[in-house]
Protein backbone atom coordinates (compact mmCIF):
# COMPACT_ATOMS: atom_id res chain seq x y z
CA MET A 1 51.66 37.57 10.51
CA ASN A 2 53.35 36.94 14.46
CA ASN A 3 56.53 38.09 14.90
CA ASN A 4 58.36 34.47 14.32
CA ASN A 5 58.13 34.69 10.55
CA LEU A 6 60.88 36.53 8.50
CA ILE A 7 59.89 37.91 5.35
CA VAL A 8 62.54 37.20 2.92
CA ARG A 9 62.12 38.83 -0.92
CA CYS A 10 63.25 36.56 -4.12
CA PRO A 11 65.72 37.90 -5.67
CA ARG A 12 64.89 36.51 -8.64
CA CYS A 13 60.88 37.28 -9.25
CA GLY A 14 60.64 39.66 -5.63
CA ALA A 15 58.26 37.65 -4.53
CA LYS A 16 57.97 38.02 -0.66
CA ASN A 17 57.95 34.97 1.26
CA ARG A 18 57.33 34.06 5.02
CA ILE A 19 60.55 31.98 6.78
CA PRO A 20 59.30 30.86 10.13
CA ASN A 21 62.06 31.49 12.80
CA ASN A 22 62.58 27.94 13.67
CA ARG A 23 63.61 27.14 9.83
CA THR A 24 66.60 30.11 9.21
CA ALA A 25 68.66 27.04 8.98
CA GLY A 26 67.07 24.68 6.59
CA ASN A 27 67.03 25.51 2.51
CA ALA A 28 64.65 27.72 1.95
CA VAL A 29 63.22 28.33 -1.81
CA CYS A 30 60.52 31.06 -3.27
CA GLY A 31 57.35 29.47 -3.61
CA LYS A 32 57.21 31.03 -6.68
CA CYS A 33 60.00 30.28 -8.95
CA LYS A 34 61.70 28.04 -7.01
CA THR A 35 65.04 29.64 -6.60
CA LYS A 36 66.65 29.12 -2.90
CA LEU A 37 66.71 31.97 -0.81
CA ASP A 38 69.86 32.47 0.94
CA LEU A 39 69.15 33.58 4.47
CA ALA A 40 72.39 34.17 5.86
CA ALA A 41 72.19 37.90 3.62
CA ILE A 42 69.19 38.72 5.68
CA PHE A 43 72.02 39.02 8.72
CA PRO A 44 74.64 39.92 7.10
CA ASN A 45 78.41 39.49 9.53
CA ARG A 46 79.32 43.06 8.00
CA PRO A 47 78.24 46.77 8.10
CA LEU A 48 75.61 47.54 5.57
CA HIS A 49 76.23 50.74 3.58
CA THR A 50 72.79 52.48 2.61
CA THR A 51 72.05 54.94 0.67
CA ASP A 52 68.65 57.77 1.13
CA SER A 53 67.35 56.29 -1.11
CA SER A 54 68.20 52.39 -0.17
CA PHE A 55 67.32 53.11 3.78
CA TYR A 56 63.71 52.49 3.92
CA ASP A 57 64.03 49.09 2.35
CA GLU A 58 67.08 48.48 4.22
CA VAL A 59 66.38 49.55 7.84
CA ILE A 60 62.76 51.09 8.20
CA ARG A 61 61.32 47.70 6.77
CA PHE A 62 63.71 45.58 7.94
CA ASN A 63 61.54 43.10 10.07
CA GLY A 64 64.16 42.74 13.30
CA PRO A 65 66.56 44.41 15.06
CA VAL A 66 68.33 46.80 13.37
CA PHE A 67 72.11 48.84 14.63
CA VAL A 68 72.44 52.14 12.71
CA ASP A 69 75.61 54.34 13.16
CA PHE A 70 75.42 57.50 11.25
CA THR A 71 77.90 59.09 10.22
CA ALA A 72 79.27 62.10 7.60
CA PRO A 73 81.91 62.57 5.34
CA TRP A 74 82.53 66.53 6.90
């Protein structure tokens, strides 16, 4: 895989879909179940709160730059 693609997991069937970076403005659909893929959700315009259990999937496995701000309640 090259860096010119995004891997987007389908929210319905869980299949991984390879989307070229130059086609992220289009109407992408899952190759398996044909569900529309919301590519705007890949780069949300708000902070994304993660937990210990979701950190790996949301941050480590993300195929792109990530800005992380760690906070603690104490």
